[in-house]
Amino acid sequence: MKAITANRLLDGEVVFWKTGQWVEPFGDAQLFDNDDAAVETAVAKGKGQPTIVVDVYPIDLTPSEGHWAPVSYRERIRALGPTNEPTHGKQAEGGEAVDALRHAAGAARSTGRVDLIRRK
């Protein structure tokens, strides 16, 4: 399973792709089966919005407590928002998706981020 992420150009906020729009909560992100064509199409649409977002790439997901969470520790931190204090950022909203992010395991890098680094 995959999701697509980027940073919003206006304020640097981490955002996720949802059927043609960018949303802030990871729990609202559109999930893709490992269908590379659908992922690449969505990434291309996201990259076609250079005045809205930057660094568009897919992230790998793993099951966590009945939900999905990024495999990469880095992506889990990005999805939770600032992690300096539990009452700050996206994690302050709480909910099942945030709990799943907090309890997910795995430290591998997302293949999408590795591909992005290789292209730069």
PDB file of N, CA and C in Angstrom:
ATOM      1  N   MET A   1       0.853  -1.168   0.000  1.00  0.00           N
ATOM      2  CA  MET A   1       0.000   0.000   0.000  1.00  0.00           C
ATOM      3  C   MET A   1       0.899   1.230   0.000  1.00  0.00           C
ATOM      4  N   LYS A   2       0.422   2.271  -0.659  1.00  0.00           N
ATOM      5  CA  LYS A   2       1.183   3.515  -0.748  1.00  0.00           C
ATOM      6  C   LYS A   2       0.266   4.719  -0.558  1.00  0.00           C
ATOM      7  N   ALA A   3       0.868   5.837  -0.189  1.00  0.00           N
ATOM      8  CA  ALA A   3       0.208   7.138  -0.164  1.00  0.00           C
ATOM      9  C   ALA A   3       1.180   8.111  -0.824  1.00  0.00           C
ATOM     10  N   ILE A   4       0.706   9.275  -1.140  1.00  0.00           N
ATOM     11  CA  ILE A   4       1.556  10.279  -1.786  1.00  0.00           C
ATOM     12  C   ILE A   4       1.633  11.500  -0.880  1.00  0.00           C
ATOM     13  N   THR A   5       2.835  11.993  -0.714  1.00  0.00           N
ATOM     14  CA  THR A   5       3.046  13.139   0.172  1.00  0.00           C
ATOM     15  C   THR A   5       3.825  14.229  -0.546  1.00  0.00           C
ATOM     16  N   ALA A   6       3.795  15.409   0.038  1.00  0.00           N
ATOM     17  CA  ALA A   6       4.538  16.567  -0.477  1.00  0.00           C
ATOM     18  C   ALA A   6       4.570  17.612   0.630  1.00  0.00           C
ATOM     19  N   ASN A   7       5.211  18.718   0.340  1.00  0.00           N
ATOM     20  CA  ASN A   7       5.181  19.867   1.245  1.00  0.00           C
ATOM     21  C   ASN A   7       4.470  21.006   0.537  1.00  0.00           C
ATOM     22  N   ARG A   8       3.536  21.617   1.243  1.00  0.00           N
ATOM     23  CA  ARG A   8       2.812  22.746   0.668  1.00  0.00           C
ATOM     24  C   ARG A   8       3.768  23.925   0.564  1.00  0.00           C
ATOM     25  N   LEU A   9       3.787  24.535  -0.579  1.00  0.00           N
ATOM     26  CA  LEU A   9       4.727  25.614  -0.857  1.00  0.00           C
ATOM     27  C   LEU A   9       4.462  26.849  -0.003  1.00  0.00           C
ATOM     28  N   LEU A  10       3.229  27.129   0.277  1.00  0.00           N
ATOM     29  CA  LEU A  10       2.854  28.344   1.013  1.00  0.00           C
ATOM     30  C   LEU A  10       3.434  28.380   2.428  1.00  0.00           C
ATOM     31  N   ASP A  11       3.376  27.252   3.140  1.00  0.00           N
ATOM     32  CA  ASP A  11       3.800  27.253   4.538  1.00  0.00           C
ATOM     33  C   ASP A  11       4.690  26.074   4.925  1.00  0.00           C
ATOM     34  N   GLY A  12       5.005  25.206   3.982  1.00  0.00           N
ATOM     35  CA  GLY A  12       5.877  24.073   4.269  1.00  0.00           C
ATOM     36  C   GLY A  12       5.194  22.902   4.938  1.00  0.00           C
ATOM     37  N   GLU A  13       3.907  22.996   5.147  1.00  0.00           N
ATOM     38  CA  GLU A  13       3.158  21.936   5.831  1.00  0.00           C
ATOM     39  C   GLU A  13       3.210  20.630   5.032  1.00  0.00           C
ATOM     40  N   VAL A  14       3.343  19.525   5.732  1.00  0.00           N
ATOM     41  CA  VAL A  14       3.293  18.212   5.099  1.00  0.00           C
ATOM     42  C   VAL A  14       1.849  17.935   4.697  1.00  0.00           C
ATOM     43  N   VAL A  15       1.655  17.553   3.461  1.00  0.00           N
ATOM     44  CA  VAL A  15       0.308  17.279   2.963  1.00  0.00           C
ATOM     45  C   VAL A  15       0.292  15.931   2.253  1.00  0.00           C
ATOM     46  N   PHE A  16      -0.913  15.406   2.099  1.00  0.00           N
ATOM     47  CA  PHE A  16      -1.102  14.101   1.475  1.00  0.00           C
ATOM     48  C   PHE A  16      -2.148  14.208   0.369  1.00  0.00           C
ATOM     49  N   TRP A  17      -1.950  13.392  -0.648  1.00  0.00           N
ATOM     50  CA  TRP A  17      -2.829  13.398  -1.814  1.00  0.00           C
ATOM     51  C   TRP A  17      -4.140  12.702  -1.496  1.00  0.00           C
ATOM     52  N   LYS A  18      -5.252  13.349  -1.894  1.00  0.00           N
ATOM     53  CA  LYS A  18      -6.560  12.723  -1.757  1.00  0.00           C
ATOM     54  C   LYS A  18      -7.397  13.106  -2.961  1.00  0.00           C
ATOM     55  N   THR A  19      -7.524  12.207  -3.890  1.00  0.00           N
ATOM     56  CA  THR A  19      -8.352  12.365  -5.090  1.00  0.00           C
ATOM     57  C   THR A  19      -8.265  13.767  -5.695  1.00  0.00           C
ATOM     58  N   GLY A  20      -7.060  14.159  -6.038  1.00  0.00           N
ATOM     59  CA  GLY A  20      -6.862  15.414  -6.740  1.00  0.00           C
ATOM     60  C   GLY A  20      -6.648  16.632  -5.877  1.00  0.00           C
ATOM     61  N   GLN A  21      -6.665  16.456  -4.562  1.00  0.00           N
ATOM     62  CA  GLN A  21      -6.459  17.583  -3.654  1.00  0.00           C
ATOM     63  C   GLN A  21      -5.390  17.215  -2.637  1.00  0.00           C
ATOM     64  N   TRP A  22      -4.906  18.207  -1.949  1.00  0.00           N
ATOM     65  CA  TRP A  22      -3.931  17.972  -0.880  1.00  0.00           C
ATOM     66  C   TRP A  22      -4.622  18.202   0.451  1.00  0.00           C
ATOM     67  N   VAL A  23      -4.451  17.229   1.362  1.00  0.00           N
ATOM     68  CA  VAL A  23      -5.058  17.325   2.694  1.00  0.00           C
ATOM     69  C   VAL A  23      -3.954  17.213   3.736  1.00  0.00           C
ATOM     70  N   GLU A  24      -4.172  17.778   4.901  1.00  0.00           N
ATOM     71  CA  GLU A  24      -3.154  17.751   5.955  1.00  0.00           C
ATOM     72  C   GLU A  24      -3.146  16.460   6.774  1.00  0.00           C
ATOM     73  N   PRO A  25      -4.288  15.931   7.198  1.00  0.00           N
ATOM     74  CA  PRO A  25      -4.235  14.723   8.040  1.00  0.00           C
ATOM     75  C   PRO A  25      -3.837  13.479   7.236  1.00  0.00           C
ATOM     76  N   PHE A  26      -2.893  12.735   7.780  1.00  0.00           N
ATOM     77  CA  PHE A  26      -2.505  11.496   7.116  1.00  0.00           C
ATOM     78  C   PHE A  26      -3.699  10.545   7.017  1.00  0.00           C
ATOM     79  N   GLY A  27      -4.558  10.552   8.027  1.00  0.00           N
ATOM     80  CA  GLY A  27      -5.712   9.659   8.032  1.00  0.00           C
ATOM     81  C   GLY A  27      -6.672   9.892   6.877  1.00  0.00           C
ATOM     82  N   ASP A  28      -6.621  11.067   6.257  1.00  0.00           N
ATOM     83  CA  ASP A  28      -7.480  11.371   5.117  1.00  0.00           C
ATOM     84  C   ASP A  28      -6.806  11.082   3.780  1.00  0.00           C
ATOM     85  N   ALA A  29      -5.567  10.649   3.799  1.00  0.00           N
ATOM     86  CA  ALA A  29      -4.828  10.416   2.547  1.00  0.00           C
ATOM     87  C   ALA A  29      -5.454   9.297   1.736  1.00  0.00           C
ATOM     88  N   GLN A  30      -5.374   9.439   0.429  1.00  0.00           N
ATOM     89  CA  GLN A  30      -5.824   8.383  -0.477  1.00  0.00           C
ATOM     90  C   GLN A  30      -4.794   7.262  -0.459  1.00  0.00           C
ATOM     91  N   LEU A  31      -5.261   6.046  -0.325  1.00  0.00           N
ATOM     92  CA  LEU A  31      -4.367   4.888  -0.308  1.00  0.00           C
ATOM     93  C   LEU A  31      -4.395   4.201  -1.659  1.00  0.00           C
ATOM     94  N   PHE A  32      -3.229   3.765  -2.091  1.00  0.00           N
ATOM     95  CA  PHE A  32      -3.094   3.101  -3.381  1.00  0.00           C
ATOM     96  C   PHE A  32      -2.603   1.680  -3.152  1.00  0.00           C
ATOM     97  N   ASP A  33      -3.225   0.733  -3.843  1.00  0.00           N
ATOM     98  CA  ASP A  33      -2.656  -0.607  -3.855  1.00  0.00           C
ATOM     99  C   ASP A  33      -1.303  -0.484  -4.537  1.00  0.00           C
ATOM    100  N   ASN A  34      -0.561  -1.517  -4.538  1.00  0.00           N
ATOM    101  CA  ASN A  34       0.757  -1.443  -5.163  1.00  0.00           C
ATOM    102  C   ASN A  34       0.648  -1.409  -6.686  1.00  0.00           C
ATOM    103  N   ASP A  35      -0.281  -0.587  -7.170  1.00  0.00           N
ATOM    104  CA  ASP A  35      -0.487  -0.375  -8.602  1.00  0.00           C
ATOM    105  C   ASP A  35       0.388   0.806  -9.023  1.00  0.00           C
ATOM    106  N   ASP A  36       1.530   0.481  -9.592  1.00  0.00           N
ATOM    107  CA  ASP A  36       2.495   1.526  -9.938  1.00  0.00           C
ATOM    108  C   ASP A  36       1.933   2.560 -10.899  1.00  0.00           C
ATOM    109  N   ALA A  37       1.091   2.141 -11.825  1.00  0.00           N
ATOM    110  CA  ALA A  37       0.551   3.082 -12.803  1.00  0.00           C
ATOM    111  C   ALA A  37      -0.331   4.134 -12.123  1.00  0.00           C
ATOM    112  N   ALA A  38      -1.172   3.715 -11.211  1.00  0.00           N
ATOM    113  CA  ALA A  38      -2.055   4.664 -10.510  1.00  0.00           C
ATOM    114  C   ALA A  38      -1.241   5.609  -9.638  1.00  0.00           C
ATOM    115  N   VAL A  39      -0.215   5.086  -8.979  1.00  0.00           N
ATOM    116  CA  VAL A  39       0.643   5.920  -8.127  1.00  0.00           C
ATOM    117  C   VAL A  39       1.386   6.936  -8.991  1.00  0.00           C
ATOM    118  N   GLU A  40       1.976   6.467 -10.070  1.00  0.00           N
ATOM    119  CA  GLU A  40       2.742   7.377 -10.927  1.00  0.00           C
ATOM    120  C   GLU A  40       1.854   8.445 -11.555  1.00  0.00           C
ATOM    121  N   THR A  41       0.620   8.077 -11.890  1.00  0.00           N
ATOM    122  CA  THR A  41      -0.314   9.060 -12.438  1.00  0.00           C
ATOM    123  C   THR A  41      -0.618  10.140 -11.402  1.00  0.00           C
ATOM    124  N   ALA A  42      -0.881   9.725 -10.170  1.00  0.00           N
ATOM    125  CA  ALA A  42      -1.180  10.697  -9.113  1.00  0.00           C
ATOM    126  C   ALA A  42       0.043  11.557  -8.800  1.00  0.00           C
ATOM    127  N   VAL A  43       1.235  10.953  -8.770  1.00  0.00           N
ATOM    128  CA  VAL A  43       2.464  11.720  -8.531  1.00  0.00           C
ATOM    129  C   VAL A  43       2.659  12.751  -9.643  1.00  0.00           C
ATOM    130  N   ALA A  44       2.417  12.335 -10.869  1.00  0.00           N
ATOM    131  CA  ALA A  44       2.561  13.267 -11.994  1.00  0.00           C
ATOM    132  C   ALA A  44       1.580  14.430 -11.871  1.00  0.00           C
ATOM    133  N   LYS A  45       0.345  14.139 -11.461  1.00  0.00           N
ATOM    134  CA  LYS A  45      -0.635  15.224 -11.262  1.00  0.00           C
ATOM    135  C   LYS A  45      -0.168  16.165 -10.150  1.00  0.00           C
ATOM    136  N   GLY A  46       0.372  15.588  -9.078  1.00  0.00           N
ATOM    137  CA  GLY A  46       0.879  16.418  -7.983  1.00  0.00           C
ATOM    138  C   GLY A  46       2.049  17.276  -8.418  1.00  0.00           C
ATOM    139  N   LYS A  47       2.947  16.683  -9.182  1.00  0.00           N
ATOM    140  CA  LYS A  47       4.104  17.443  -9.665  1.00  0.00           C
ATOM    141  C   LYS A  47       3.688  18.509 -10.672  1.00  0.00           C
ATOM    142  N   GLY A  48       2.515  18.359 -11.218  1.00  0.00           N
ATOM    143  CA  GLY A  48       1.989  19.361 -12.147  1.00  0.00           C
ATOM    144  C   GLY A  48       1.417  20.575 -11.431  1.00  0.00           C
ATOM    145  N   GLN A  49       1.575  20.613 -10.108  1.00  0.00           N
ATOM    146  CA  GLN A  49       1.089  21.745  -9.311  1.00  0.00           C
ATOM    147  C   GLN A  49       2.268  22.424  -8.607  1.00  0.00           C
ATOM    148  N   PRO A  50       3.262  22.899  -9.358  1.00  0.00           N
ATOM    149  CA  PRO A  50       4.479  23.428  -8.733  1.00  0.00           C
ATOM    150  C   PRO A  50       4.279  24.716  -7.951  1.00  0.00           C
ATOM    151  N   THR A  51       3.146  25.381  -8.106  1.00  0.00           N
ATOM    152  CA  THR A  51       2.896  26.585  -7.311  1.00  0.00           C
ATOM    153  C   THR A  51       2.140  26.258  -6.021  1.00  0.00           C
ATOM    154  N   ILE A  52       1.822  24.974  -5.842  1.00  0.00           N
ATOM    155  CA  ILE A  52       1.072  24.558  -4.649  1.00  0.00           C
ATOM    156  C   ILE A  52       1.927  23.694  -3.730  1.00  0.00           C
ATOM    157  N   VAL A  53       2.649  22.714  -4.299  1.00  0.00           N
ATOM    158  CA  VAL A  53       3.447  21.779  -3.493  1.00  0.00           C
ATOM    159  C   VAL A  53       4.818  21.563  -4.123  1.00  0.00           C
ATOM    160  N   VAL A  54       5.739  21.053  -3.287  1.00  0.00           N
ATOM    161  CA  VAL A  54       7.067  20.667  -3.762  1.00  0.00           C
ATOM    162  C   VAL A  54       7.376  19.270  -3.221  1.00  0.00           C
ATOM    163  N   ASP A  55       8.346  18.609  -3.837  1.00  0.00           N
ATOM    164  CA  ASP A  55       8.808  17.278  -3.415  1.00  0.00           C
ATOM    165  C   ASP A  55       7.677  16.267  -3.290  1.00  0.00           C
ATOM    166  N   VAL A  56       7.003  16.040  -4.375  1.00  0.00           N
ATOM    167  CA  VAL A  56       5.915  15.055  -4.406  1.00  0.00           C
ATOM    168  C   VAL A  56       6.521  13.668  -4.594  1.00  0.00           C
ATOM    169  N   TYR A  57       6.187  12.729  -3.709  1.00  0.00           N
ATOM    170  CA  TYR A  57       6.682  11.361  -3.847  1.00  0.00           C
ATOM    171  C   TYR A  57       5.784  10.387  -3.095  1.00  0.00           C
ATOM    172  N   PRO A  58       5.777   9.124  -3.526  1.00  0.00           N
ATOM    173  CA  PRO A  58       4.972   8.117  -2.823  1.00  0.00           C
ATOM    174  C   PRO A  58       5.713   7.600  -1.602  1.00  0.00           C
ATOM    175  N   ILE A  59       4.947   7.176  -0.605  1.00  0.00           N
ATOM    176  CA  ILE A  59       5.535   6.564   0.588  1.00  0.00           C
ATOM    177  C   ILE A  59       4.936   5.175   0.767  1.00  0.00           C
ATOM    178  N   ASP A  60       5.746   4.266   1.274  1.00  0.00           N
ATOM    179  CA  ASP A  60       5.301   2.906   1.545  1.00  0.00           C
ATOM    180  C   ASP A  60       4.576   2.866   2.881  1.00  0.00           C
ATOM    181  N   LEU A  61       3.521   2.063   2.945  1.00  0.00           N
ATOM    182  CA  LEU A  61       2.728   1.953   4.164  1.00  0.00           C
ATOM    183  C   LEU A  61       2.744   0.519   4.670  1.00  0.00           C
ATOM    184  N   THR A  62       2.517   0.393   5.973  1.00  0.00           N
ATOM    185  CA  THR A  62       2.441  -0.916   6.616  1.00  0.00           C
ATOM    186  C   THR A  62       1.218  -0.929   7.534  1.00  0.00           C
ATOM    187  N   PRO A  63       0.607  -2.088   7.729  1.00  0.00           N
ATOM    188  CA  PRO A  63      -0.538  -2.136   8.642  1.00  0.00           C
ATOM    189  C   PRO A  63      -0.106  -1.836  10.078  1.00  0.00           C
ATOM    190  N   SER A  64      -0.961  -1.081  10.782  1.00  0.00           N
ATOM    191  CA  SER A  64      -0.677  -0.756  12.179  1.00  0.00           C
ATOM    192  C   SER A  64      -2.000  -0.549  12.899  1.00  0.00           C
ATOM    193  N   GLU A  65      -2.318  -1.423  13.800  1.00  0.00           N
ATOM    194  CA  GLU A  65      -3.510  -1.318  14.633  1.00  0.00           C
ATOM    195  C   GLU A  65      -4.777  -1.106  13.810  1.00  0.00           C
ATOM    196  N   GLY A  66      -4.923  -1.858  12.751  1.00  0.00           N
ATOM    197  CA  GLY A  66      -6.125  -1.779  11.933  1.00  0.00           C
ATOM    198  C   GLY A  66      -6.152  -0.622  10.960  1.00  0.00           C
ATOM    199  N   HIS A  67      -5.093   0.160  10.901  1.00  0.00           N
ATOM    200  CA  HIS A  67      -4.982   1.281   9.970  1.00  0.00           C
ATOM    201  C   HIS A  67      -3.680   1.104   9.197  1.00  0.00           C
ATOM    202  N   TRP A  68      -3.329   2.124   8.440  1.00  0.00           N
ATOM    203  CA  TRP A  68      -2.072   2.108   7.712  1.00  0.00           C
ATOM    204  C   TRP A  68      -1.177   3.211   8.247  1.00  0.00           C
ATOM    205  N   ALA A  69       0.125   2.935   8.255  1.00  0.00           N
ATOM    206  CA  ALA A  69       1.099   3.924   8.709  1.00  0.00           C
ATOM    207  C   ALA A  69       2.328   3.826   7.816  1.00  0.00           C
ATOM    208  N   PRO A  70       3.049   4.918   7.645  1.00  0.00           N
ATOM    209  CA  PRO A  70       4.275   4.854   6.837  1.00  0.00           C
ATOM    210  C   PRO A  70       5.278   3.864   7.424  1.00  0.00           C
ATOM    211  N   VAL A  71       5.959   3.149   6.556  1.00  0.00           N
ATOM    212  CA  VAL A  71       7.016   2.233   6.980  1.00  0.00           C
ATOM    213  C   VAL A  71       8.175   3.034   7.565  1.00  0.00           C
ATOM    214  N   SER A  72       8.499   4.126   6.917  1.00  0.00           N
ATOM    215  CA  SER A  72       9.644   4.946   7.298  1.00  0.00           C
ATOM    216  C   SER A  72       9.369   5.759   8.560  1.00  0.00           C
ATOM    217  N   TYR A  73      10.329   5.726   9.464  1.00  0.00           N
ATOM    218  CA  TYR A  73      10.229   6.535  10.687  1.00  0.00           C
ATOM    219  C   TYR A  73      10.124   8.018  10.329  1.00  0.00           C
ATOM    220  N   ARG A  74      10.900   8.430   9.363  1.00  0.00           N
ATOM    221  CA  ARG A  74      10.869   9.822   8.916  1.00  0.00           C
ATOM    222  C   ARG A  74       9.466  10.238   8.488  1.00  0.00           C
ATOM    223  N   GLU A  75       8.818   9.377   7.724  1.00  0.00           N
ATOM    224  CA  GLU A  75       7.475   9.704   7.230  1.00  0.00           C
ATOM    225  C   GLU A  75       6.450   9.698   8.358  1.00  0.00           C
ATOM    226  N   ARG A  76       6.643   8.852   9.357  1.00  0.00           N
ATOM    227  CA  ARG A  76       5.719   8.868  10.502  1.00  0.00           C
ATOM    228  C   ARG A  76       5.851  10.186  11.258  1.00  0.00           C
ATOM    229  N   ILE A  77       7.078  10.672  11.416  1.00  0.00           N
ATOM    230  CA  ILE A  77       7.290  11.968  12.074  1.00  0.00           C
ATOM    231  C   ILE A  77       6.633  13.077  11.262  1.00  0.00           C
ATOM    232  N   ARG A  78       6.820  13.035   9.939  1.00  0.00           N
ATOM    233  CA  ARG A  78       6.208  14.054   9.084  1.00  0.00           C
ATOM    234  C   ARG A  78       4.685  14.020   9.202  1.00  0.00           C
ATOM    235  N   ALA A  79       4.109  12.823   9.285  1.00  0.00           N
ATOM    236  CA  ALA A  79       2.651  12.681   9.356  1.00  0.00           C
ATOM    237  C   ALA A  79       2.094  13.140  10.696  1.00  0.00           C
ATOM    238  N   LEU A  80       2.898  13.035  11.755  1.00  0.00           N
ATOM    239  CA  LEU A  80       2.427  13.436  13.079  1.00  0.00           C
ATOM    240  C   LEU A  80       2.579  14.935  13.322  1.00  0.00           C
ATOM    241  N   GLY A  81       3.373  15.592  12.535  1.00  0.00           N
ATOM    242  CA  GLY A  81       3.601  17.014  12.746  1.00  0.00           C
ATOM    243  C   GLY A  81       4.767  17.224  13.680  1.00  0.00           C
ATOM    244  N   PRO A  82       4.952  18.412  14.204  1.00  0.00           N
ATOM    245  CA  PRO A  82       6.057  18.616  15.138  1.00  0.00           C
ATOM    246  C   PRO A  82       5.944  17.635  16.302  1.00  0.00           C
ATOM    247  N   THR A  83       7.043  16.985  16.624  1.00  0.00           N
ATOM    248  CA  THR A  83       7.008  15.962  17.667  1.00  0.00           C
ATOM    249  C   THR A  83       7.698  16.422  18.947  1.00  0.00           C
ATOM    250  N   ASN A  84       7.936  17.724  19.076  1.00  0.00           N
ATOM    251  CA  ASN A  84       8.593  18.223  20.283  1.00  0.00           C
ATOM    252  C   ASN A  84       7.678  18.180  21.494  1.00  0.00           C
ATOM    253  N   GLU A  85       6.364  18.156  21.278  1.00  0.00           N
ATOM    254  CA  GLU A  85       5.399  18.160  22.374  1.00  0.00           C
ATOM    255  C   GLU A  85       4.117  17.499  21.860  1.00  0.00           C
ATOM    256  N   PRO A  86       3.579  16.521  22.598  1.00  0.00           N
ATOM    257  CA  PRO A  86       2.386  15.806  22.113  1.00  0.00           C
ATOM    258  C   PRO A  86       1.162  16.691  21.886  1.00  0.00           C
ATOM    259  N   THR A  87       1.172  17.902  22.473  1.00  0.00           N
ATOM    260  CA  THR A  87       0.011  18.775  22.272  1.00  0.00           C
ATOM    261  C   THR A  87       0.190  19.711  21.075  1.00  0.00           C
ATOM    262  N   HIS A  88       1.257  19.520  20.300  1.00  0.00           N
ATOM    263  CA  HIS A  88       1.509  20.349  19.123  1.00  0.00           C
ATOM    264  C   HIS A  88       1.266  19.550  17.850  1.00  0.00           C
ATOM    265  N   GLY A  89       0.967  20.265  16.795  1.00  0.00           N
ATOM    266  CA  GLY A  89       0.905  19.663  15.471  1.00  0.00           C
ATOM    267  C   GLY A  89      -0.272  18.735  15.256  1.00  0.00           C
ATOM    268  N   LYS A  90      -0.120  17.925  14.230  1.00  0.00           N
ATOM    269  CA  LYS A  90      -1.199  17.029  13.827  1.00  0.00           C
ATOM    270  C   LYS A  90      -1.489  15.970  14.876  1.00  0.00           C
ATOM    271  N   GLN A  91      -0.474  15.594  15.659  1.00  0.00           N
ATOM    272  CA  GLN A  91      -0.684  14.561  16.660  1.00  0.00           C
ATOM    273  C   GLN A  91      -1.624  15.027  17.775  1.00  0.00           C
ATOM    274  N   ALA A  92      -1.756  16.331  17.959  1.00  0.00           N
ATOM    275  CA  ALA A  92      -2.631  16.859  18.995  1.00  0.00           C
ATOM    276  C   ALA A  92      -4.097  16.566  18.701  1.00  0.00           C
ATOM    277  N   GLU A  93      -4.421  16.361  17.414  1.00  0.00           N
ATOM    278  CA  GLU A  93      -5.803  16.071  17.042  1.00  0.00           C
ATOM    279  C   GLU A  93      -6.233  14.692  17.532  1.00  0.00           C
ATOM    280  N   GLY A  94      -5.267  13.789  17.707  1.00  0.00           N
ATOM    281  CA  GLY A  94      -5.575  12.452  18.202  1.00  0.00           C
ATOM    282  C   GLY A  94      -6.380  11.629  17.213  1.00  0.00           C
ATOM    283  N   GLY A  95      -6.976  10.585  17.703  1.00  0.00           N
ATOM    284  CA  GLY A  95      -7.781   9.716  16.853  1.00  0.00           C
ATOM    285  C   GLY A  95      -7.076   8.416  16.526  1.00  0.00           C
ATOM    286  N   GLU A  96      -7.789   7.542  15.874  1.00  0.00           N
ATOM    287  CA  GLU A  96      -7.270   6.210  15.577  1.00  0.00           C
ATOM    288  C   GLU A  96      -6.082   6.254  14.616  1.00  0.00           C
ATOM    289  N   ALA A  97      -6.129   7.131  13.613  1.00  0.00           N
ATOM    290  CA  ALA A  97      -5.027   7.209  12.651  1.00  0.00           C
ATOM    291  C   ALA A  97      -3.745   7.686  13.329  1.00  0.00           C
ATOM    292  N   VAL A  98      -3.866   8.627  14.243  1.00  0.00           N
ATOM    293  CA  VAL A  98      -2.686   9.118  14.965  1.00  0.00           C
ATOM    294  C   VAL A  98      -2.144   8.041  15.890  1.00  0.00           C
ATOM    295  N   ASP A  99      -3.025   7.308  16.555  1.00  0.00           N
ATOM    296  CA  ASP A  99      -2.576   6.206  17.414  1.00  0.00           C
ATOM    297  C   ASP A  99      -1.844   5.145  16.593  1.00  0.00           C
ATOM    298  N   ALA A 100      -2.361   4.852  15.410  1.00  0.00           N
ATOM    299  CA  ALA A 100      -1.700   3.871  14.540  1.00  0.00           C
ATOM    300  C   ALA A 100      -0.315   4.361  14.134  1.00  0.00           C
ATOM    301  N   LEU A 101      -0.190   5.655  13.862  1.00  0.00           N
ATOM    302  CA  LEU A 101       1.118   6.221  13.509  1.00  0.00           C
ATOM    303  C   LEU A 101       2.096   6.105  14.676  1.00  0.00           C
ATOM    304  N   ARG A 102       1.606   6.373  15.861  1.00  0.00           N
ATOM    305  CA  ARG A 102       2.478   6.338  17.046  1.00  0.00           C
ATOM    306  C   ARG A 102       2.981   4.934  17.347  1.00  0.00           C
ATOM    307  N   HIS A 103       2.179   3.925  17.033  1.00  0.00           N
ATOM    308  CA  HIS A 103       2.544   2.561  17.381  1.00  0.00           C
ATOM    309  C   HIS A 103       3.113   1.757  16.227  1.00  0.00           C
ATOM    310  N   ALA A 104       3.271   2.365  15.068  1.00  0.00           N
ATOM    311  CA  ALA A 104       3.812   1.643  13.905  1.00  0.00           C
ATOM    312  C   ALA A 104       5.288   1.330  14.120  1.00  0.00           C
ATOM    313  N   ALA A 105       5.736   0.278  13.498  1.00  0.00           N
ATOM    314  CA  ALA A 105       7.140  -0.127  13.600  1.00  0.00           C
ATOM    315  C   ALA A 105       7.758  -0.158  12.208  1.00  0.00           C
ATOM    316  N   GLY A 106       9.073  -0.127  12.202  1.00  0.00           N
ATOM    317  CA  GLY A 106       9.780  -0.181  10.923  1.00  0.00           C
ATOM    318  C   GLY A 106      10.629   1.055  10.758  1.00  0.00           C
ATOM    319  N   ALA A 107      11.789   0.922  10.203  1.00  0.00           N
ATOM    320  CA  ALA A 107      12.682   2.060  10.077  1.00  0.00           C
ATOM    321  C   ALA A 107      13.238   2.213   8.669  1.00  0.00           C
ATOM    322  N   ALA A 108      12.734   1.444   7.743  1.00  0.00           N
ATOM    323  CA  ALA A 108      13.247   1.522   6.375  1.00  0.00           C
ATOM    324  C   ALA A 108      12.812   2.829   5.727  1.00  0.00           C
ATOM    325  N   ARG A 109      13.570   3.274   4.786  1.00  0.00           N
ATOM    326  CA  ARG A 109      13.193   4.456   4.021  1.00  0.00           C
ATOM    327  C   ARG A 109      12.108   4.084   3.021  1.00  0.00           C
ATOM    328  N   SER A 110      11.260   5.031   2.708  1.00  0.00           N
ATOM    329  CA  SER A 110      10.278   4.813   1.662  1.00  0.00           C
ATOM    330  C   SER A 110      10.982   4.758   0.321  1.00  0.00           C
ATOM    331  N   THR A 111      10.554   3.859  -0.526  1.00  0.00           N
ATOM    332  CA  THR A 111      11.188   3.759  -1.838  1.00  0.00           C
ATOM    333  C   THR A 111      10.982   5.035  -2.641  1.00  0.00           C
ATOM    334  N   GLY A 112       9.854   5.704  -2.445  1.00  0.00           N
ATOM    335  CA  GLY A 112       9.598   6.938  -3.183  1.00  0.00           C
ATOM    336  C   GLY A 112      10.589   8.024  -2.814  1.00  0.00           C
ATOM    337  N   ARG A 113      10.928   8.135  -1.549  1.00  0.00           N
ATOM    338  CA  ARG A 113      11.896   9.151  -1.103  1.00  0.00           C
ATOM    339  C   ARG A 113      13.289   8.820  -1.627  1.00  0.00           C
ATOM    340  N   VAL A 114      13.652   7.534  -1.610  1.00  0.00           N
ATOM    341  CA  VAL A 114      14.960   7.130  -2.132  1.00  0.00           C
ATOM    342  C   VAL A 114      15.042   7.480  -3.613  1.00  0.00           C
ATOM    343  N   ASP A 115      13.966   7.230  -4.356  1.00  0.00           N
ATOM    344  CA  ASP A 115      13.961   7.580  -5.778  1.00  0.00           C
ATOM    345  C   ASP A 115      14.083   9.083  -5.966  1.00  0.00           C
ATOM    346  N   LEU A 116      13.429   9.849  -5.095  1.00  0.00           N
ATOM    347  CA  LEU A 116      13.501  11.307  -5.189  1.00  0.00           C
ATOM    348  C   LEU A 116      14.934  11.776  -4.956  1.00  0.00           C
ATOM    349  N   ILE A 117      15.619  11.186  -3.981  1.00  0.00           N
ATOM    350  CA  ILE A 117      17.002  11.558  -3.684  1.00  0.00           C
ATOM    351  C   ILE A 117      17.896  11.212  -4.866  1.00  0.00           C
ATOM    352  N   ARG A 118      17.671  10.065  -5.480  1.00  0.00           N
ATOM    353  CA  ARG A 118      18.492   9.660  -6.630  1.00  0.00           C
ATOM    354  C   ARG A 118      18.340  10.613  -7.800  1.00  0.00           C
ATOM    355  N   ARG A 119      17.129  11.160  -7.984  1.00  0.00           N
ATOM    356  CA  ARG A 119      16.884  12.044  -9.119  1.00  0.00           C
ATOM    357  C   ARG A 119      17.481  13.419  -8.932  1.00  0.00           C
ATOM    358  N   LYS A 120      17.735  13.829  -7.685  1.00  0.00           N
ATOM    359  CA  LYS A 120      18.262  15.179  -7.441  1.00  0.00           C
ATOM    360  C   LYS A 120      19.734  15.240  -7.732  1.00  0.00           C
TER     361      LYS A 120
END
